[in-house]
All heavy atoms as atom14 arrays in JSON, in Angstrom:
{
  "sequence": "TQMTHSLQELATAQGSFEVAFPDAAEKMRNVIIQLKEVKACIPPC",
  "atom14_mask": [
    [1, 1, 1, 1, 1, 1, 1, 0, 0, 0, 0, 0, 0, 0],
    [1, 1, 1, 1, 1, 1, 1, 1, 1, 0, 0, 0, 0, 0],
    [1, 1, 1, 1, 1, 1, 1, 1, 0, 0, 0, 0, 0, 0],
    [1, 1, 1, 1, 1, 1, 1, 0, 0, 0, 0, 0, 0, 0],
    [1, 1, 1, 1, 1, 1, 1, 1, 1, 1, 0, 0, 0, 0],
    [1, 1, 1, 1, 1, 1, 0, 0, 0, 0, 0, 0, 0, 0],
    [1, 1, 1, 1, 1, 1, 1, 1, 0, 0, 0, 0, 0, 0],
    [1, 1, 1, 1, 1, 1, 1, 1, 1, 0, 0, 0, 0, 0],
    [1, 1, 1, 1, 1, 1, 1, 1, 1, 0, 0, 0, 0, 0],
    [1, 1, 1, 1, 1, 1, 1, 1, 0, 0, 0, 0, 0, 0],
    [1, 1, 1, 1, 1, 0, 0, 0, 0, 0, 0, 0, 0, 0],
    [1, 1, 1, 1, 1, 1, 1, 0, 0, 0, 0, 0, 0, 0],
    [1, 1, 1, 1, 1, 0, 0, 0, 0, 0, 0, 0, 0, 0],
    [1, 1, 1, 1, 1, 1, 1, 1, 1, 0, 0, 0, 0, 0],
    [1, 1, 1, 1, 0, 0, 0, 0, 0, 0, 0, 0, 0, 0],
    [1, 1, 1, 1, 1, 1, 0, 0, 0, 0, 0, 0, 0, 0],
    [1, 1, 1, 1, 1, 1, 1, 1, 1, 1, 1, 0, 0, 0],
    [1, 1, 1, 1, 1, 1, 1, 1, 1, 0, 0, 0, 0, 0],
    [1, 1, 1, 1, 1, 1, 1, 0, 0, 0, 0, 0, 0, 0],
    [1, 1, 1, 1, 1, 0, 0, 0, 0, 0, 0, 0, 0, 0],
    [1, 1, 1, 1, 1, 1, 1, 1, 1, 1, 1, 0, 0, 0],
    [1, 1, 1, 1, 1, 1, 1, 0, 0, 0, 0, 0, 0, 0],
    [1, 1, 1, 1, 1, 1, 1, 1, 0, 0, 0, 0, 0, 0],
    [1, 1, 1, 1, 1, 0, 0, 0, 0, 0, 0, 0, 0, 0],
    [1, 1, 1, 1, 1, 0, 0, 0, 0, 0, 0, 0, 0, 0],
    [1, 1, 1, 1, 1, 1, 1, 1, 1, 0, 0, 0, 0, 0],
    [1, 1, 1, 1, 1, 1, 1, 1, 1, 0, 0, 0, 0, 0],
    [1, 1, 1, 1, 1, 1, 1, 1, 0, 0, 0, 0, 0, 0],
    [1, 1, 1, 1, 1, 1, 1, 1, 1, 1, 1, 0, 0, 0],
    [1, 1, 1, 1, 1, 1, 1, 1, 0, 0, 0, 0, 0, 0],
    [1, 1, 1, 1, 1, 1, 1, 0, 0, 0, 0, 0, 0, 0],
    [1, 1, 1, 1, 1, 1, 1, 1, 0, 0, 0, 0, 0, 0],
    [1, 1, 1, 1, 1, 1, 1, 1, 0, 0, 0, 0, 0, 0],
    [1, 1, 1, 1, 1, 1, 1, 1, 1, 0, 0, 0, 0, 0],
    [1, 1, 1, 1, 1, 1, 1, 1, 0, 0, 0, 0, 0, 0],
    [1, 1, 1, 1, 1, 1, 1, 1, 1, 0, 0, 0, 0, 0],
    [1, 1, 1, 1, 1, 1, 1, 1, 1, 0, 0, 0, 0, 0],
    [1, 1, 1, 1, 1, 1, 1, 0, 0, 0, 0, 0, 0, 0],
    [1, 1, 1, 1, 1, 1, 1, 1, 1, 0, 0, 0, 0, 0],
    [1, 1, 1, 1, 1, 0, 0, 0, 0, 0, 0, 0, 0, 0],
    [1, 1, 1, 1, 1, 1, 0, 0, 0, 0, 0, 0, 0, 0],
    [1, 1, 1, 1, 1, 1, 1, 1, 0, 0, 0, 0, 0, 0],
    [1, 1, 1, 1, 1, 1, 1, 0, 0, 0, 0, 0, 0, 0],
    [1, 1, 1, 1, 1, 1, 1, 0, 0, 0, 0, 0, 0, 0],
    [1, 1, 1, 1, 1, 1, 0, 0, 0, 0, 0, 0, 0, 0]
  ],
  "atom14_positions": [
    [[60.77, 8.3, 59.91], [61.23, 8.53, 58.54], [61.05, 7.29, 57.68], [60.58, 7.36, 56.53], [62.71, 8.96, 58.55], [62.85, 10.16, 59.32], [63.21, 9.22, 57.13], [0.0, 0.0, 0.0], [0.0, 0.0, 0.0], [0.0, 0.0, 0.0], [0.0, 0.0, 0.0], [0.0, 0.0, 0.0], [0.0, 0.0, 0.0], [0.0, 0.0, 0.0]],
    [[61.41, 6.15, 58.24], [61.22, 4.89, 57.51], [59.74, 4.62, 57.27], [59.35, 4.1, 56.21], [61.85, 3.74, 58.31], [61.76, 2.39, 57.64], [62.47, 2.35, 56.3], [63.55, 2.92, 56.15], [61.88, 1.7, 55.32], [0.0, 0.0, 0.0], [0.0, 0.0, 0.0], [0.0, 0.0, 0.0], [0.0, 0.0, 0.0], [0.0, 0.0, 0.0]],
    [[58.9, 5.0, 58.23], [57.46, 4.8, 58.07], [56.91, 5.61, 56.89], [56.11, 5.1, 56.09], [56.74, 5.2, 59.36], [55.23, 5.06, 59.3], [54.39, 6.12, 60.5], [54.68, 7.75, 59.8], [0.0, 0.0, 0.0], [0.0, 0.0, 0.0], [0.0, 0.0, 0.0], [0.0, 0.0, 0.0], [0.0, 0.0, 0.0], [0.0, 0.0, 0.0]],
    [[57.32, 6.87, 56.76], [56.82, 7.69, 55.66], [57.26, 7.13, 54.31], [56.49, 7.16, 53.35], [57.3, 9.15, 55.81], [58.73, 9.17, 55.89], [56.72, 9.78, 57.06], [0.0, 0.0, 0.0], [0.0, 0.0, 0.0], [0.0, 0.0, 0.0], [0.0, 0.0, 0.0], [0.0, 0.0, 0.0], [0.0, 0.0, 0.0], [0.0, 0.0, 0.0]],
    [[58.49, 6.61, 54.23], [58.93, 5.99, 52.98], [58.1, 4.76, 52.64], [57.72, 4.54, 51.48], [60.41, 5.61, 53.08], [61.34, 6.79, 53.14], [61.19, 7.88, 52.33], [62.42, 7.05, 53.92], [62.15, 8.76, 52.59], [62.91, 8.26, 53.56], [0.0, 0.0, 0.0], [0.0, 0.0, 0.0], [0.0, 0.0, 0.0], [0.0, 0.0, 0.0]],
    [[57.8, 3.97, 53.68], [56.98, 2.77, 53.44], [55.58, 3.14, 52.99], [55.0, 2.47, 52.1], [56.93, 1.93, 54.72], [58.22, 1.51, 55.11], [0.0, 0.0, 0.0], [0.0, 0.0, 0.0], [0.0, 0.0, 0.0], [0.0, 0.0, 0.0], [0.0, 0.0, 0.0], [0.0, 0.0, 0.0], [0.0, 0.0, 0.0], [0.0, 0.0, 0.0]],
    [[55.01, 4.21, 53.58], [53.67, 4.63, 53.16], [53.67, 5.13, 51.72], [52.71, 4.88, 50.97], [53.15, 5.72, 54.1], [52.76, 5.27, 55.51], [52.4, 6.46, 56.38], [51.58, 4.28, 55.45], [0.0, 0.0, 0.0], [0.0, 0.0, 0.0], [0.0, 0.0, 0.0], [0.0, 0.0, 0.0], [0.0, 0.0, 0.0], [0.0, 0.0, 0.0]],
    [[54.71, 5.82, 51.31], [54.79, 6.28, 49.93], [54.89, 5.11, 48.95], [54.27, 5.12, 47.87], [55.98, 7.22, 49.76], [55.75, 8.62, 50.33], [56.92, 9.54, 50.07], [58.06, 9.23, 50.38], [56.64, 10.69, 49.48], [0.0, 0.0, 0.0], [0.0, 0.0, 0.0], [0.0, 0.0, 0.0], [0.0, 0.0, 0.0], [0.0, 0.0, 0.0]],
    [[55.66, 4.09, 49.34], [55.76, 2.9, 48.49], [54.41, 2.2, 48.39], [54.01, 1.73, 47.31], [56.82, 1.96, 49.05], [58.24, 2.5, 48.97], [59.24, 1.58, 49.65], [58.8, 0.55, 50.22], [60.45, 1.89, 49.62], [0.0, 0.0, 0.0], [0.0, 0.0, 0.0], [0.0, 0.0, 0.0], [0.0, 0.0, 0.0], [0.0, 0.0, 0.0]],
    [[53.68, 2.13, 49.51], [52.37, 1.5, 49.51], [51.38, 2.3, 48.66], [50.55, 1.72, 47.94], [51.85, 1.37, 50.94], [50.53, 0.62, 51.13], [50.62, -0.81, 50.61], [50.13, 0.62, 52.61], [0.0, 0.0, 0.0], [0.0, 0.0, 0.0], [0.0, 0.0, 0.0], [0.0, 0.0, 0.0], [0.0, 0.0, 0.0], [0.0, 0.0, 0.0]],
    [[51.47, 3.65, 48.74], [50.57, 4.49, 47.93], [50.88, 4.33, 46.45], [49.95, 4.31, 45.61], [50.72, 5.94, 48.36], [0.0, 0.0, 0.0], [0.0, 0.0, 0.0], [0.0, 0.0, 0.0], [0.0, 0.0, 0.0], [0.0, 0.0, 0.0], [0.0, 0.0, 0.0], [0.0, 0.0, 0.0], [0.0, 0.0, 0.0], [0.0, 0.0, 0.0]],
    [[52.13, 4.21, 46.1], [52.5, 4.0, 44.7], [51.96, 2.68, 44.17], [51.6, 2.56, 42.99], [54.04, 4.04, 44.55], [54.54, 5.28, 45.07], [54.46, 3.9, 43.1], [0.0, 0.0, 0.0], [0.0, 0.0, 0.0], [0.0, 0.0, 0.0], [0.0, 0.0, 0.0], [0.0, 0.0, 0.0], [0.0, 0.0, 0.0], [0.0, 0.0, 0.0]],
    [[51.86, 1.7, 45.06], [51.32, 0.39, 44.68], [49.8, 0.35, 44.74], [49.2, -0.73, 44.78], [51.9, -0.69, 45.57], [0.0, 0.0, 0.0], [0.0, 0.0, 0.0], [0.0, 0.0, 0.0], [0.0, 0.0, 0.0], [0.0, 0.0, 0.0], [0.0, 0.0, 0.0], [0.0, 0.0, 0.0], [0.0, 0.0, 0.0], [0.0, 0.0, 0.0]],
    [[49.16, 1.55, 44.8], [47.7, 1.66, 44.79], [47.06, 1.07, 46.05], [45.96, 0.52, 46.0], [47.11, 0.98, 43.54], [47.65, 1.49, 42.22], [47.38, 2.98, 42.03], [46.29, 3.45, 42.33], [48.38, 3.7, 41.54], [0.0, 0.0, 0.0], [0.0, 0.0, 0.0], [0.0, 0.0, 0.0], [0.0, 0.0, 0.0], [0.0, 0.0, 0.0]],
    [[47.74, 1.2, 47.2], [47.14, 0.75, 48.45], [46.13, 1.74, 48.99], [45.99, 2.85, 48.47], [0.0, 0.0, 0.0], [0.0, 0.0, 0.0], [0.0, 0.0, 0.0], [0.0, 0.0, 0.0], [0.0, 0.0, 0.0], [0.0, 0.0, 0.0], [0.0, 0.0, 0.0], [0.0, 0.0, 0.0], [0.0, 0.0, 0.0], [0.0, 0.0, 0.0]],
    [[45.44, 1.36, 50.06], [44.41, 2.21, 50.67], [44.97, 2.87, 51.92], [45.49, 2.19, 52.81], [43.18, 1.37, 51.02], [42.27, 2.11, 51.81], [0.0, 0.0, 0.0], [0.0, 0.0, 0.0], [0.0, 0.0, 0.0], [0.0, 0.0, 0.0], [0.0, 0.0, 0.0], [0.0, 0.0, 0.0], [0.0, 0.0, 0.0], [0.0, 0.0, 0.0]],
    [[44.83, 4.19, 52.0], [45.33, 4.89, 53.2], [44.48, 4.56, 54.42], [44.94, 4.65, 55.55], [45.39, 6.4, 52.96], [44.06, 7.07, 52.76], [43.23, 7.39, 53.83], [43.63, 7.4, 51.48], [42.03, 8.03, 53.63], [42.41, 8.03, 51.28], [41.6, 8.35, 52.35], [0.0, 0.0, 0.0], [0.0, 0.0, 0.0], [0.0, 0.0, 0.0]],
    [[43.21, 4.2, 54.22], [42.35, 3.86, 55.36], [42.85, 2.61, 56.07], [42.57, 2.41, 57.25], [40.92, 3.67, 54.87], [40.3, 4.96, 54.33], [38.89, 4.73, 53.81], [38.54, 3.55, 53.59], [38.15, 5.71, 53.61], [0.0, 0.0, 0.0], [0.0, 0.0, 0.0], [0.0, 0.0, 0.0], [0.0, 0.0, 0.0], [0.0, 0.0, 0.0]],
    [[43.55, 1.75, 55.37], [44.14, 0.56, 55.97], [45.59, 0.81, 56.36], [46.06, 0.35, 57.41], [44.06, -0.64, 54.99], [44.76, -1.86, 55.58], [42.61, -0.94, 54.65], [0.0, 0.0, 0.0], [0.0, 0.0, 0.0], [0.0, 0.0, 0.0], [0.0, 0.0, 0.0], [0.0, 0.0, 0.0], [0.0, 0.0, 0.0], [0.0, 0.0, 0.0]],
    [[46.3, 1.57, 55.56], [47.74, 1.77, 55.76], [48.03, 2.59, 57.01], [48.97, 2.26, 57.76], [48.34, 2.45, 54.54], [0.0, 0.0, 0.0], [0.0, 0.0, 0.0], [0.0, 0.0, 0.0], [0.0, 0.0, 0.0], [0.0, 0.0, 0.0], [0.0, 0.0, 0.0], [0.0, 0.0, 0.0], [0.0, 0.0, 0.0], [0.0, 0.0, 0.0]],
    [[47.25, 3.63, 57.29], [47.55, 4.5, 58.41], [47.4, 3.8, 59.77], [48.29, 3.89, 60.62], [46.69, 5.77, 58.36], [47.05, 6.69, 57.22], [46.14, 7.62, 56.72], [48.3, 6.62, 56.62], [46.48, 8.47, 55.68], [48.65, 7.45, 55.57], [47.74, 8.39, 55.1], [0.0, 0.0, 0.0], [0.0, 0.0, 0.0], [0.0, 0.0, 0.0]],
    [[46.29, 3.08, 60.04], [46.2, 2.37, 61.32], [47.3, 1.32, 61.47], [47.84, 1.14, 62.59], [44.81, 1.72, 61.26], [44.03, 2.59, 60.32], [45.01, 3.02, 59.29], [0.0, 0.0, 0.0], [0.0, 0.0, 0.0], [0.0, 0.0, 0.0], [0.0, 0.0, 0.0], [0.0, 0.0, 0.0], [0.0, 0.0, 0.0], [0.0, 0.0, 0.0]],
    [[47.67, 0.64, 60.39], [48.75, -0.34, 60.47], [50.08, 0.34, 60.82], [50.85, -0.17, 61.64], [48.88, -1.1, 59.15], [47.72, -2.06, 58.91], [46.97, -2.33, 59.88], [47.56, -2.52, 57.76], [0.0, 0.0, 0.0], [0.0, 0.0, 0.0], [0.0, 0.0, 0.0], [0.0, 0.0, 0.0], [0.0, 0.0, 0.0], [0.0, 0.0, 0.0]],
    [[50.33, 1.49, 60.2], [51.57, 2.21, 60.48], [51.61, 2.7, 61.93], [52.65, 2.64, 62.59], [51.7, 3.4, 59.52], [0.0, 0.0, 0.0], [0.0, 0.0, 0.0], [0.0, 0.0, 0.0], [0.0, 0.0, 0.0], [0.0, 0.0, 0.0], [0.0, 0.0, 0.0], [0.0, 0.0, 0.0], [0.0, 0.0, 0.0], [0.0, 0.0, 0.0]],
    [[50.46, 3.18, 62.43], [50.41, 3.64, 63.82], [50.67, 2.5, 64.79], [51.37, 2.68, 65.8], [49.05, 4.29, 64.1], [0.0, 0.0, 0.0], [0.0, 0.0, 0.0], [0.0, 0.0, 0.0], [0.0, 0.0, 0.0], [0.0, 0.0, 0.0], [0.0, 0.0, 0.0], [0.0, 0.0, 0.0], [0.0, 0.0, 0.0], [0.0, 0.0, 0.0]],
    [[50.15, 1.33, 64.51], [50.38, 0.17, 65.38], [51.85, -0.24, 65.37], [52.42, -0.59, 66.4], [49.49, -1.0, 64.92], [49.57, -2.22, 65.82], [49.13, -1.94, 67.25], [48.28, -1.05, 67.44], [49.64, -2.61, 68.16], [0.0, 0.0, 0.0], [0.0, 0.0, 0.0], [0.0, 0.0, 0.0], [0.0, 0.0, 0.0], [0.0, 0.0, 0.0]],
    [[52.47, -0.19, 64.21], [53.9, -0.52, 64.12], [54.74, 0.49, 64.92], [55.69, 0.11, 65.6], [54.33, -0.55, 62.66], [53.77, -1.72, 61.87], [54.23, -1.68, 60.42], [53.66, -2.85, 59.63], [54.06, -2.8, 58.19], [0.0, 0.0, 0.0], [0.0, 0.0, 0.0], [0.0, 0.0, 0.0], [0.0, 0.0, 0.0], [0.0, 0.0, 0.0]],
    [[54.38, 1.75, 64.84], [55.13, 2.76, 65.59], [54.93, 2.58, 67.09], [55.85, 2.81, 67.88], [54.7, 4.17, 65.16], [55.07, 4.52, 63.73], [56.82, 4.23, 63.36], [57.61, 5.2, 64.61], [0.0, 0.0, 0.0], [0.0, 0.0, 0.0], [0.0, 0.0, 0.0], [0.0, 0.0, 0.0], [0.0, 0.0, 0.0], [0.0, 0.0, 0.0]],
    [[53.73, 2.16, 67.48], [53.49, 1.9, 68.9], [54.4, 0.77, 69.39], [54.94, 0.83, 70.51], [52.02, 1.56, 69.11], [51.61, 1.46, 70.59], [50.14, 1.2, 70.75], [49.35, 2.4, 70.39], [48.66, 2.53, 69.27], [48.65, 1.55, 68.37], [47.98, 3.63, 69.02], [0.0, 0.0, 0.0], [0.0, 0.0, 0.0], [0.0, 0.0, 0.0]],
    [[54.6, -0.24, 68.58], [55.49, -1.34, 68.95], [56.94, -0.89, 69.01], [57.72, -1.35, 69.86], [55.34, -2.5, 67.96], [53.98, -3.17, 68.03], [53.35, -3.16, 69.09], [53.52, -3.73, 66.93], [0.0, 0.0, 0.0], [0.0, 0.0, 0.0], [0.0, 0.0, 0.0], [0.0, 0.0, 0.0], [0.0, 0.0, 0.0], [0.0, 0.0, 0.0]],
    [[57.32, 0.02, 68.11], [58.68, 0.56, 68.14], [58.92, 1.32, 69.44], [59.97, 1.19, 70.08], [58.92, 1.48, 66.92], [60.22, 2.25, 67.08], [58.95, 0.67, 65.65], [0.0, 0.0, 0.0], [0.0, 0.0, 0.0], [0.0, 0.0, 0.0], [0.0, 0.0, 0.0], [0.0, 0.0, 0.0], [0.0, 0.0, 0.0], [0.0, 0.0, 0.0]],
    [[57.93, 2.11, 69.85], [58.07, 2.91, 71.08], [58.19, 2.0, 72.3], [58.97, 2.28, 73.23], [56.88, 3.87, 71.22], [56.95, 4.95, 70.12], [56.85, 4.53, 72.59], [55.75, 5.86, 70.06], [0.0, 0.0, 0.0], [0.0, 0.0, 0.0], [0.0, 0.0, 0.0], [0.0, 0.0, 0.0], [0.0, 0.0, 0.0], [0.0, 0.0, 0.0]],
    [[57.45, 0.9, 72.3], [57.52, -0.04, 73.43], [58.91, -0.62, 73.57], [59.4, -0.87, 74.69], [56.47, -1.16, 73.25], [55.06, -0.58, 73.38], [56.67, -2.27, 74.26], [53.96, -1.58, 73.09], [0.0, 0.0, 0.0], [0.0, 0.0, 0.0], [0.0, 0.0, 0.0], [0.0, 0.0, 0.0], [0.0, 0.0, 0.0], [0.0, 0.0, 0.0]],
    [[59.61, -0.81, 72.45], [60.93, -1.43, 72.48], [62.06, -0.44, 72.77], [63.2, -0.85, 72.93], [61.19, -2.12, 71.13], [60.24, -3.28, 70.85], [60.44, -3.86, 69.47], [61.39, -3.52, 68.77], [59.53, -4.72, 69.06], [0.0, 0.0, 0.0], [0.0, 0.0, 0.0], [0.0, 0.0, 0.0], [0.0, 0.0, 0.0], [0.0, 0.0, 0.0]],
    [[61.75, 0.85, 72.84], [62.78, 1.83, 73.16], [63.24, 1.69, 74.6], [62.54, 1.12, 75.44], [62.26, 3.25, 72.92], [61.92, 3.64, 71.48], [61.34, 5.04, 71.44], [63.16, 3.55, 70.59], [0.0, 0.0, 0.0], [0.0, 0.0, 0.0], [0.0, 0.0, 0.0], [0.0, 0.0, 0.0], [0.0, 0.0, 0.0], [0.0, 0.0, 0.0]],
    [[64.41, 2.22, 74.9], [64.94, 2.21, 76.26], [63.99, 2.97, 77.18], [63.55, 4.08, 76.87], [66.33, 2.83, 76.28], [67.04, 2.73, 77.6], [68.53, 3.07, 77.46], [68.73, 4.44, 76.85], [70.16, 4.81, 76.79], [0.0, 0.0, 0.0], [0.0, 0.0, 0.0], [0.0, 0.0, 0.0], [0.0, 0.0, 0.0], [0.0, 0.0, 0.0]],
    [[63.67, 2.39, 78.32], [62.68, 2.98, 79.22], [63.19, 4.28, 79.84], [64.39, 4.51, 79.98], [62.34, 1.99, 80.34], [61.59, 0.75, 79.88], [61.2, -0.13, 81.05], [61.56, 0.22, 82.19], [60.55, -1.16, 80.82], [0.0, 0.0, 0.0], [0.0, 0.0, 0.0], [0.0, 0.0, 0.0], [0.0, 0.0, 0.0], [0.0, 0.0, 0.0]],
    [[62.23, 5.12, 80.19], [62.55, 6.36, 80.89], [62.95, 6.02, 82.32], [62.24, 5.29, 83.01], [61.35, 7.31, 80.89], [61.68, 8.58, 81.66], [60.92, 7.64, 79.47], [0.0, 0.0, 0.0], [0.0, 0.0, 0.0], [0.0, 0.0, 0.0], [0.0, 0.0, 0.0], [0.0, 0.0, 0.0], [0.0, 0.0, 0.0], [0.0, 0.0, 0.0]],
    [[64.09, 6.52, 82.77], [64.54, 6.25, 84.13], [63.75, 7.07, 85.13], [63.38, 8.22, 84.87], [66.03, 6.55, 84.26], [66.9, 5.59, 83.45], [68.35, 5.71, 83.83], [69.18, 4.67, 83.07], [70.61, 4.73, 83.46], [0.0, 0.0, 0.0], [0.0, 0.0, 0.0], [0.0, 0.0, 0.0], [0.0, 0.0, 0.0], [0.0, 0.0, 0.0]],
    [[63.47, 6.46, 86.26], [62.67, 7.12, 87.29], [63.48, 8.19, 88.0], [64.7, 8.1, 88.11], [62.16, 6.08, 88.29], [0.0, 0.0, 0.0], [0.0, 0.0, 0.0], [0.0, 0.0, 0.0], [0.0, 0.0, 0.0], [0.0, 0.0, 0.0], [0.0, 0.0, 0.0], [0.0, 0.0, 0.0], [0.0, 0.0, 0.0], [0.0, 0.0, 0.0]],
    [[62.77, 9.2, 88.48], [63.4, 10.25, 89.28], [63.7, 9.71, 90.68], [62.89, 8.99, 91.27], [62.49, 11.46, 89.38], [62.11, 12.22, 87.78], [0.0, 0.0, 0.0], [0.0, 0.0, 0.0], [0.0, 0.0, 0.0], [0.0, 0.0, 0.0], [0.0, 0.0, 0.0], [0.0, 0.0, 0.0], [0.0, 0.0, 0.0], [0.0, 0.0, 0.0]],
    [[64.85, 10.07, 91.21], [65.27, 9.61, 92.53], [65.25, 10.8, 93.48], [66.1, 11.7, 93.35], [66.67, 8.97, 92.48], [66.68, 7.81, 91.49], [67.09, 8.51, 93.86], [68.02, 7.14, 91.33], [0.0, 0.0, 0.0], [0.0, 0.0, 0.0], [0.0, 0.0, 0.0], [0.0, 0.0, 0.0], [0.0, 0.0, 0.0], [0.0, 0.0, 0.0]],
    [[64.3, 10.87, 94.4], [64.26, 11.98, 95.34], [65.44, 11.89, 96.31], [66.1, 10.85, 96.4], [62.91, 11.79, 96.05], [62.6, 10.33, 95.89], [63.22, 9.91, 94.61], [0.0, 0.0, 0.0], [0.0, 0.0, 0.0], [0.0, 0.0, 0.0], [0.0, 0.0, 0.0], [0.0, 0.0, 0.0], [0.0, 0.0, 0.0], [0.0, 0.0, 0.0]],
    [[65.76, 12.98, 97.03], [64.91, 14.16, 97.2], [65.34, 15.38, 96.39], [64.68, 16.4, 96.48], [65.1, 14.44, 98.7], [66.53, 14.07, 98.95], [66.83, 12.9, 98.05], [0.0, 0.0, 0.0], [0.0, 0.0, 0.0], [0.0, 0.0, 0.0], [0.0, 0.0, 0.0], [0.0, 0.0, 0.0], [0.0, 0.0, 0.0], [0.0, 0.0, 0.0]],
    [[66.44, 15.32, 95.64], [66.96, 16.56, 95.07], [67.82, 16.26, 93.86], [68.14, 15.1, 93.57], [67.79, 17.32, 96.12], [69.19, 16.34, 96.74], [0.0, 0.0, 0.0], [0.0, 0.0, 0.0], [0.0, 0.0, 0.0], [0.0, 0.0, 0.0], [0.0, 0.0, 0.0], [0.0, 0.0, 0.0], [0.0, 0.0, 0.0], [0.0, 0.0, 0.0]]
  ]
}
C-alpha cells in the first residue's frame, strides 16, 4: 500500500514508470527478505 502511494507521488512529479517500477520491485524484495522467516515443518505428524 505504501509502495502504490509512493508511485503515485512519483508519477505526479513527472517521473518515469520505466525506472520507477523496477526500483519499487527491488524495494519490495528487500522488505520480504526482512520479514519473519517461515518456520520449518517438523515430522512426522
